[in-house]
Protein backbone atom coordinates (compact mmCIF):
# COMPACT_ATOMS: atom_id res chain seq x y z
CA MET A 1 50.27 84.81 151.42
CA LYS A 2 48.87 86.10 155.01
CA ARG A 3 51.75 83.91 157.01
CA ARG A 4 54.10 84.92 154.20
CA ALA A 5 53.75 88.37 154.81
CA ILE A 6 54.31 88.17 158.25
CA LEU A 7 56.76 85.99 158.45
CA LEU A 8 58.40 88.65 156.51
CA ALA A 9 57.44 91.30 158.63
CA GLY A 10 58.84 89.72 161.37
CA LEU A 11 62.00 88.85 159.93
CA ILE A 12 62.29 93.23 158.69
CA LEU A 13 61.97 94.11 162.60
CA CYS A 14 64.32 90.87 163.79
CA ILE A 15 67.13 92.27 161.39
CA THR A 16 66.11 96.30 162.41
CA SER A 17 65.77 95.38 165.90
CA PHE A 18 70.51 95.10 166.00
CA PRO A 19 71.95 98.18 164.92
CA LEU A 20 74.08 97.68 161.70
CA MET A 21 77.81 97.23 162.78
CA ALA A 22 79.34 101.20 162.35
CA GLU A 23 82.19 101.63 160.12
CA THR A 24 85.08 102.62 161.91
CA ILE A 25 87.37 106.35 162.26
CA ARG A 26 90.20 106.51 159.66
CA LEU A 27 93.16 108.08 160.61
CA GLY A 28 95.42 108.08 158.57
CA PHE A 29 99.45 108.32 159.52
CA ASN A 30 101.50 109.59 157.62
CA TYR A 31 105.10 108.64 159.28
CA PRO A 32 109.21 108.18 158.72
CA GLU A 33 109.01 104.17 159.16
CA SER A 34 113.03 104.60 157.43
CA GLY A 35 115.54 107.33 156.35
CA ARG A 36 117.12 109.92 158.60
CA TYR A 37 113.76 110.00 161.37
CA LYS A 38 113.45 106.80 161.27
CA ASN A 39 113.90 106.63 165.20
CA LEU A 40 111.45 109.58 165.30
CA GLY A 41 109.28 108.16 163.66
CA LEU A 42 108.77 104.85 165.66
CA GLN A 43 108.48 106.86 168.30
CA GLN A 44 104.91 107.96 166.63
CA ARG A 45 104.60 104.64 164.99
CA LEU A 46 104.37 102.97 169.48
CA ALA A 47 102.39 105.96 170.68
CA ALA A 48 99.36 106.07 168.38
CA PHE A 49 98.81 102.93 168.35
CA LEU A 50 99.30 102.14 172.24
CA ALA A 51 96.47 105.66 172.08
CA VAL A 52 93.84 103.61 169.34
CA ASP A 53 94.26 100.70 171.85
CA GLU A 54 92.88 102.40 174.27
CA ILE A 55 89.97 104.69 173.03
CA ASN A 56 88.62 101.39 171.57
CA LYS A 57 88.53 99.76 174.87
CA ALA A 58 87.14 102.66 175.89
CA GLY A 59 84.52 102.51 172.59
CA GLY A 60 86.10 104.45 170.42
CA ILE A 61 84.99 107.20 168.76
CA LEU A 62 81.12 108.48 168.96
CA GLY A 63 80.83 104.26 169.37
CA ARG A 64 82.86 103.62 166.04
CA ASP A 65 86.08 101.62 166.32
CA VAL A 66 89.80 103.44 165.72
CA GLU A 67 91.19 102.58 163.16
CA LEU A 68 95.41 103.62 162.01
CA VAL A 69 95.86 103.30 158.71
CA ILE A 70 99.92 104.08 157.85
CA ARG A 71 102.45 105.23 154.95
CA ASN A 72 105.70 105.74 155.24
CA THR A 73 107.39 108.61 154.33
CA ALA A 74 111.11 107.58 154.13
CA GLY A 75 111.68 111.45 155.36
CA SER A 76 110.34 112.45 150.70
CA VAL A 77 108.75 115.50 150.16
CA GLU A 78 107.82 114.00 147.69
CA ARG A 79 105.84 110.53 149.00
CA GLY A 80 105.08 112.35 151.36
CA ALA A 81 102.29 114.24 149.75
CA ALA A 82 101.83 111.39 147.45
CA ASN A 83 100.77 109.22 150.59
CA THR A 84 98.49 112.17 151.67
CA GLU A 85 96.74 111.84 147.76
CA GLU A 86 96.24 108.45 148.40
CA LEU A 87 95.66 107.14 151.84
CA ILE A 88 92.34 110.21 151.14
CA ARG A 89 91.16 109.34 147.60
CA GLN A 90 91.48 105.42 147.67
CA GLU A 91 92.07 104.67 152.02
CA ASN A 92 88.61 107.36 152.95
CA VAL A 93 90.61 108.18 155.37
CA ASP A 94 88.63 111.38 158.24
CA MET A 95 91.89 113.03 159.04
CA VAL A 96 95.76 113.03 158.77
CA PHE A 97 99.09 113.08 160.65
CA GLY A 98 102.61 112.04 161.25
CA GLY A 99 105.30 114.01 159.87
CA ALA A 100 108.99 114.67 160.90
CA SER A 101 110.39 116.48 158.72
CA SER A 102 108.75 120.19 158.24
CA PRO A 103 109.14 119.91 154.25
CA VAL A 104 106.93 116.98 154.03
CA THR A 105 104.67 117.86 156.95
CA ILE A 106 104.55 121.13 154.89
CA ALA A 107 103.93 119.13 150.94
CA SER A 108 101.61 117.02 152.96
CA GLY A 109 99.12 119.50 154.24
CA LYS A 110 98.36 121.02 151.41
CA VAL A 111 97.66 118.24 149.97
CA ALA A 112 95.46 117.26 152.48
CA LYS A 113 93.54 121.18 152.76
CA LYS A 114 92.90 119.97 148.72
CA LEU A 115 91.04 117.35 149.60
CA GLY A 116 89.25 118.62 152.73
CA ARG A 117 90.25 116.89 155.18
CA LEU A 118 92.23 117.95 158.56
CA TYR A 119 96.71 117.43 158.73
CA PHE A 120 98.01 117.24 162.37
CA GLY A 121 101.56 117.64 162.00
CA THR A 122 104.03 116.01 164.62
CA THR A 123 107.41 116.72 164.46
CA THR A 124 108.11 119.76 162.55
CA SER A 125 109.32 122.35 164.15
CA ALA A 126 109.70 125.06 161.09
CA ASN A 127 108.70 128.31 161.78
CA ALA A 128 106.67 128.07 157.93
CA THR A 129 104.13 125.02 159.09
CA THR A 130 102.21 127.43 160.89
CA GLY A 131 103.55 130.64 159.64
CA SER A 132 103.80 131.59 155.82
CA GLU A 133 102.74 127.94 154.48
CA GLY A 134 99.94 128.06 157.20
CA HIS A 135 96.29 127.55 156.38
CA ASP A 136 92.61 126.41 157.78
CA HIS A 137 93.10 122.77 157.57
CA MET A 138 97.07 122.08 159.00
CA PHE A 139 97.41 122.24 162.91
CA ARG A 140 100.42 122.10 164.42
CA GLU A 141 101.30 120.12 168.26
CA TYR A 142 104.49 120.68 168.44
CA PRO A 143 105.93 124.08 169.01
CA ASN A 144 107.42 126.08 166.54
CA ALA A 145 111.28 127.58 166.32
CA TRP A 146 110.40 130.76 167.33
CA MET A 147 108.49 129.18 170.78
CA THR A 148 112.17 126.79 171.74
CA ALA A 149 113.83 130.33 170.64
CA ASN A 150 112.17 132.39 172.63
CA ALA A 151 112.44 129.83 175.83
CA LEU A 152 116.28 128.79 174.97
CA GLY A 153 116.96 132.82 174.36
CA HIS A 154 115.50 133.47 178.08
CA TYR A 155 118.04 131.38 179.32
CA LEU A 156 120.67 131.58 177.74
CA THR A 157 120.98 135.54 177.20
CA GLU A 158 120.89 135.56 181.66
CA ASN A 159 122.91 132.58 181.97
CA PHE A 160 125.59 133.60 179.08
CA GLY A 161 125.62 136.73 178.48
CA ASP A 162 127.37 138.98 175.84
CA ALA A 163 128.85 135.22 174.81
CA ASN A 164 130.40 135.50 171.60
CA TYR A 165 128.56 132.41 169.47
CA PHE A 166 128.42 129.98 166.13
CA TYR A 167 126.16 128.17 164.42
CA VAL A 168 126.23 124.93 161.98
CA THR A 169 122.96 125.06 160.91
CA ALA A 170 120.66 122.44 158.34
CA ASP A 171 120.93 124.61 154.72
CA TYR A 172 116.72 123.94 154.65
CA THR A 173 113.81 125.37 156.40
CA TRP A 174 113.30 124.39 159.91
CA GLY A 175 117.57 125.23 160.13
CA HIS A 176 117.12 128.55 158.85
CA SER A 177 114.34 129.14 161.05
CA SER A 178 115.76 128.08 163.88
CA GLU A 179 118.71 129.68 163.47
CA ALA A 180 117.00 133.20 162.43
CA SER A 181 114.80 132.58 165.40
CA LEU A 182 117.39 132.51 168.17
CA ARG A 183 119.39 135.01 167.09
CA ALA A 184 116.79 137.64 167.07
CA PHE A 185 116.10 136.33 170.71
CA THR A 186 119.80 136.12 171.90
CA ASN A 187 120.75 139.75 170.69
CA THR A 188 123.05 137.21 167.91
CA THR A 189 121.79 138.67 164.42
CA ASP A 190 125.82 140.06 163.43
CA THR A 191 126.63 137.51 161.50
CA GLU A 192 130.37 139.03 161.30
CA LYS A 193 131.18 138.50 165.17
CA HIS A 194 128.59 135.41 165.53
CA PRO A 195 128.99 133.87 162.02
CA HIS A 196 127.86 130.73 161.00
CA ALA A 197 128.10 127.48 158.69
CA LEU A 198 125.68 125.74 156.90
CA THR A 199 126.00 121.22 156.68
CA PRO A 200 123.76 120.16 153.26
CA PHE A 201 120.37 118.75 153.88
CA PRO A 202 119.74 115.73 153.70
CA ARG A 203 122.71 114.35 152.56
CA ALA A 204 124.94 115.16 154.95
CA LEU A 205 127.96 113.64 155.36
CA ILE A 206 130.37 112.80 157.73
CA ARG A 207 132.83 114.90 156.51
CA ASP A 208 130.15 118.47 155.71
CA PHE A 209 129.81 118.31 159.95
CA ARG A 210 133.79 118.01 160.73
CA LYS A 211 134.22 121.33 157.89
CA ALA A 212 132.04 123.59 159.60
CA LEU A 213 133.27 122.04 163.15
CA GLU A 214 136.49 123.01 162.28
CA LYS A 215 135.30 126.44 161.57
CA ALA A 216 133.78 126.51 164.73
CA GLU A 217 136.11 125.65 166.82
CA ALA A 218 139.11 128.29 164.36
CA SER A 219 136.60 130.74 166.10
CA ASP A 220 136.65 132.31 169.36
CA ALA A 221 132.61 131.33 170.57
CA ASP A 222 132.01 131.28 174.02
CA VAL A 223 128.76 128.99 172.77
CA LEU A 224 128.09 126.70 170.28
CA VAL A 225 124.57 126.24 168.53
CA LEU A 226 124.31 123.11 166.80
CA VAL A 227 121.04 123.82 164.77
CA LEU A 228 120.30 119.98 163.23
CA TYR A 229 118.08 117.27 164.06
CA GLY A 230 117.68 113.46 163.99
CA ASP A 231 120.33 111.27 162.72
CA ASP A 232 122.42 114.36 161.58
CA LEU A 233 122.60 115.66 165.02
CA VAL A 234 123.70 112.26 166.23
CA ARG A 235 126.66 112.53 163.93
CA ALA A 236 127.70 116.01 164.90
CA LEU A 237 127.75 115.39 168.52
CA GLN A 238 130.07 112.91 167.58
CA VAL A 239 132.26 114.76 165.82
CA ALA A 240 132.56 117.81 168.78
CA TYR A 241 133.10 115.18 170.41
CA GLU A 242 136.17 113.27 169.57
CA MET A 243 137.92 116.98 168.40
CA GLY A 244 137.14 117.50 172.08
CA LEU A 245 134.43 120.52 171.65
CA LYS A 246 133.38 120.21 174.77
CA ASP A 247 135.76 121.10 176.94
CA LYS A 248 135.97 124.70 175.12
CA VAL A 249 132.63 125.72 174.32
CA GLN A 250 129.07 125.34 175.71
CA ILE A 251 126.89 123.09 173.61
CA VAL A 252 123.45 124.14 172.77
CA LEU A 253 121.11 122.71 170.68
CA PRO A 254 117.36 123.46 169.84
CA ASN A 255 115.76 120.71 170.61
CA ILE A 256 116.42 117.51 171.92
CA THR A 257 114.83 114.39 172.30
CA LEU A 258 115.82 110.92 173.98
CA GLY A 259 115.85 109.15 171.27
CA ILE A 260 117.88 111.22 170.01
CA ALA A 261 120.43 111.31 173.50
CA GLN A 262 120.38 107.88 173.62
CA ALA A 263 121.89 107.59 170.03
CA VAL A 264 124.68 110.06 170.84
CA GLY A 265 124.67 108.47 174.78
CA ALA A 266 125.46 109.99 178.19
CA THR A 267 128.98 110.51 177.92
CA ILE A 268 128.76 112.67 175.11
CA LEU A 269 125.39 114.32 175.63
CA GLU A 270 126.81 115.46 179.25
CA GLY A 271 126.19 119.17 180.08
CA VAL A 272 124.97 119.85 176.91
CA ILE A 273 121.89 122.34 177.13
CA SER A 274 118.96 122.47 175.12
CA THR A 275 114.17 122.31 175.09
CA THR A 276 111.64 120.11 174.53
CA PRO A 277 107.97 120.37 175.10
CA TRP A 278 107.96 116.99 176.55
CA GLU A 279 109.37 114.19 177.54
CA TRP A 280 108.69 111.11 180.06
CA MET A 281 110.37 112.65 183.27
CA ILE A 282 109.06 115.50 183.42
CA PRO A 283 105.68 114.43 184.09
CA TYR A 284 107.44 113.36 187.67
CA GLN A 285 109.59 116.80 188.21
CA LEU A 286 106.59 118.40 187.73
CA ASP A 287 103.77 116.13 189.36
CA PHE A 288 101.84 115.90 186.24
CA PRO A 289 99.24 112.83 186.90
CA ARG A 290 98.64 112.39 183.29
CA GLY A 291 101.55 112.60 181.80
CA GLN A 292 103.32 109.75 184.06
CA GLU A 293 99.65 107.41 183.26
CA PHE A 294 100.99 107.83 180.11
CA VAL A 295 104.67 107.47 180.97
CA GLU A 296 103.85 103.48 182.50
CA ALA A 297 100.95 102.76 179.57
CA PHE A 298 103.60 103.03 177.55
CA THR A 299 106.43 101.39 178.57
CA LYS A 300 105.44 98.29 180.31
CA GLU A 301 103.86 97.80 176.82
CA TYR A 302 106.94 98.14 175.05
CA GLY A 303 109.98 98.80 177.26
CA VAL A 304 110.85 101.39 176.64
CA ARG A 305 110.02 105.03 177.74
CA PRO A 306 107.96 107.51 175.37
CA THR A 307 109.81 110.56 173.92
CA SER A 308 108.21 114.09 172.72
CA THR A 309 107.97 112.88 169.52
CA ALA A 310 105.70 110.21 171.40
CA ALA A 311 103.83 112.32 173.65
CA THR A 312 103.30 114.57 170.51
CA ALA A 313 101.44 111.54 168.41
CA TYR A 314 99.63 110.21 171.67
CA GLY A 315 98.45 113.51 172.05
CA ILE A 316 97.01 114.60 168.46
CA ILE A 317 94.91 111.03 168.65
CA TYR A 318 93.11 111.52 172.36
CA GLN A 319 92.52 115.64 170.48
CA TYR A 320 90.64 114.63 167.39
CA LYS A 321 88.60 112.17 169.51
CA ASP A 322 87.80 114.96 171.86
CA ALA A 323 87.42 117.56 169.09
CA VAL A 324 84.89 115.22 167.15
CA GLU A 325 82.67 113.78 170.37
CA ARG A 326 81.82 117.37 170.96
CA ALA A 327 81.08 117.97 167.12
CA GLY A 328 79.13 115.05 167.13
CA THR A 329 80.65 114.55 163.58
CA THR A 330 83.85 114.07 161.83
CA ASP A 331 83.08 116.13 159.19
CA THR A 332 86.30 118.41 158.88
CA GLN A 333 84.58 121.90 158.58
CA ALA A 334 82.82 121.00 162.23
CA LEU A 335 85.76 120.08 163.53
CA ILE A 336 88.13 123.01 162.81
CA LYS A 337 85.37 125.23 165.06
CA ALA A 338 85.94 123.09 168.09
CA LEU A 339 89.74 122.84 167.60
CA GLU A 340 89.83 126.85 167.10
CA GLY A 341 90.20 128.06 170.40
CA HIS A 342 90.39 125.41 172.93
CA GLU A 343 92.07 124.92 176.07
CA TYR A 344 92.91 121.78 177.67
CA THR A 345 94.94 119.20 179.49
CA LEU A 346 96.61 115.88 179.11
CA LEU A 347 100.46 114.71 179.22
CA LYS A 348 101.67 118.33 181.60
CA ASP A 349 99.80 121.69 181.53
CA ARG A 350 97.42 123.70 179.39
CA GLN A 351 97.62 124.13 175.73
CA GLN A 352 95.21 125.45 173.39
CA TRP A 353 95.09 125.53 169.76
CA ARG A 354 95.20 128.64 169.09
CA ALA A 355 92.44 130.20 166.54
CA PHE A 356 94.32 132.45 164.43
CA ASP A 357 97.28 130.19 163.56
CA HIS A 358 96.45 126.69 164.22
CA GLN A 359 99.84 126.31 166.48
CA ASN A 360 99.48 124.38 170.24
CA LEU A 361 100.63 126.60 172.62
CA GLN A 362 102.00 124.93 175.51
CA THR A 363 104.95 125.47 177.55
CA VAL A 364 108.97 124.89 176.28
CA TYR A 365 110.63 123.56 178.88
CA VAL A 366 114.94 124.14 178.77
CA VAL A 367 116.68 121.64 179.52
CA ARG A 368 120.13 120.16 180.66
CA SER A 369 121.88 116.67 180.20
CA LYS A 370 121.82 115.25 182.96
CA PRO A 371 125.82 113.51 184.06
CA ARG A 372 126.41 110.22 183.05
CA GLY A 373 125.81 108.13 186.41
CA GLU A 374 122.80 109.64 187.08
CA VAL A 375 121.64 109.08 183.55
CA LEU A 376 122.89 104.91 183.99
CA ASP A 377 120.95 104.89 187.44
CA ASP A 378 117.53 104.66 186.27
CA GLU A 379 116.55 100.55 185.17
CA LEU A 380 115.75 101.66 180.96
CA ARG A 381 119.13 104.28 181.36
CA SER A 382 117.15 107.02 179.88
CA ASP A 383 116.34 109.53 182.41
CA PHE A 384 118.98 112.71 180.30
CA PHE A 385 117.30 115.52 181.05
CA GLU A 386 116.71 117.83 184.54
CA VAL A 387 114.41 120.78 183.56
CA VAL A 388 115.90 124.28 184.42
CA GLY A 389 114.26 127.03 183.05
CA SER A 390 110.94 127.24 180.93
CA LEU A 391 108.80 129.70 179.63
CA GLU A 392 104.32 129.08 178.92
CA GLY A 393 102.85 128.79 175.62
CA GLY A 394 100.79 132.38 175.28
CA LYS A 395 104.50 134.14 175.93
CA ALA A 396 107.12 132.11 173.79
CA ALA A 397 104.64 132.48 170.83
CA GLN A 398 104.31 134.77 168.12
CA THR A 399 101.56 137.34 168.45
CA LEU A 400 99.40 138.02 166.39
CA GLU A 401 101.01 141.05 165.18
CA GLN A 402 104.12 138.79 164.46
CA TRP A 403 102.61 135.84 162.61
CA GLN A 404 100.53 138.39 160.28
CA ALA A 405 103.78 140.87 159.96
CA GLU A 406 105.30 137.05 158.46
CA ARG A 407 102.71 136.21 156.03
CA ALA A 408 102.89 139.55 153.91
CA GLU A 409 106.51 139.29 154.29
CA ALA A 410 105.85 135.99 152.24
CA GLY A 411 102.50 137.09 150.07
CA LYS A 412 100.24 135.59 151.99
CA PRO A 413 97.09 136.52 153.56
CA PRO A 414 96.88 138.11 156.78
CA TYR A 415 94.43 135.16 157.90
CA LEU A 416 94.54 131.33 157.16
């Protein structure tokens, strides 16, 4: 009996001398694998896998490996919300991120809050995401419509003065807020002098874009603003080119990504003005070494250049890692406190998670599409944009008073 007790004690000592394998940190990735924003979703996916692979090779987060648990929203609000619930209830993920449509992100974020998890919005630009529909569990890395419109409005006002505008706008949350924001910053709120045409969302057809663009052609507009995104923007630009509108007006887009540029092509996009928070050539134009490292790692791994949507997904994962390590836990409430007001640099210049609305403050760049020959000089034919202006995040974003006014108009409290 004595010998048996000694052996048992030794066995227990042996077992406890080796720590049990720590459970993984699970990140729910809720993105459009299919649907009209699938190209944006693919870039997010590639960047997310790259970030997780890098982090795991470097020792994980608090010594724990990181795992992606993936669901396809297909661009559907209902599916995005259902995915979020499944990821949290059944898969027990520690946080959820993703999205390429603001309505999907907003609905998914509300489910995450109900179930006690953080939701990081990726490519979501509607003001409402961190404005009228914002809450304490939602953090948005991408600039909102106000920020991009502010930067773009400064540039357009300086360079196009009192030009006449025509807006072609997608009939949903992001479209309306983007048009309203840009009108405010370009002094084009007079809808009789600066009219618009709405196109259906999410099922617009070529004939819808042609009808809207015919109205633009019949107007005396000098500037044509296409408040569209994803495949809708690609098709509208193709129709505008076929109609010869590029020779008659300056085409302006509230947002652009490399993926959209590649789908449209260098000939059609040449000279178009837009904004972006990041594209692969910007770290080289403005000398951001960590951004250059990301570009080179991504390009080596996948054989294509990363876009701003890739940078957003990549940055979110690294910021989650940073917050967990600073808080020493994956507890949601502790992470909210760790993120609020936090400043950092990663792929560009300084950024901050603003405390009162959880909007990420970062520089917005105004870009012009390069001539076709310059685009084709790049070995991957991806060098589309040159920076022609910028506005730093603190100046681009709404003030507290403006944000509270938006909340009051929606019947929401003046805090998250």
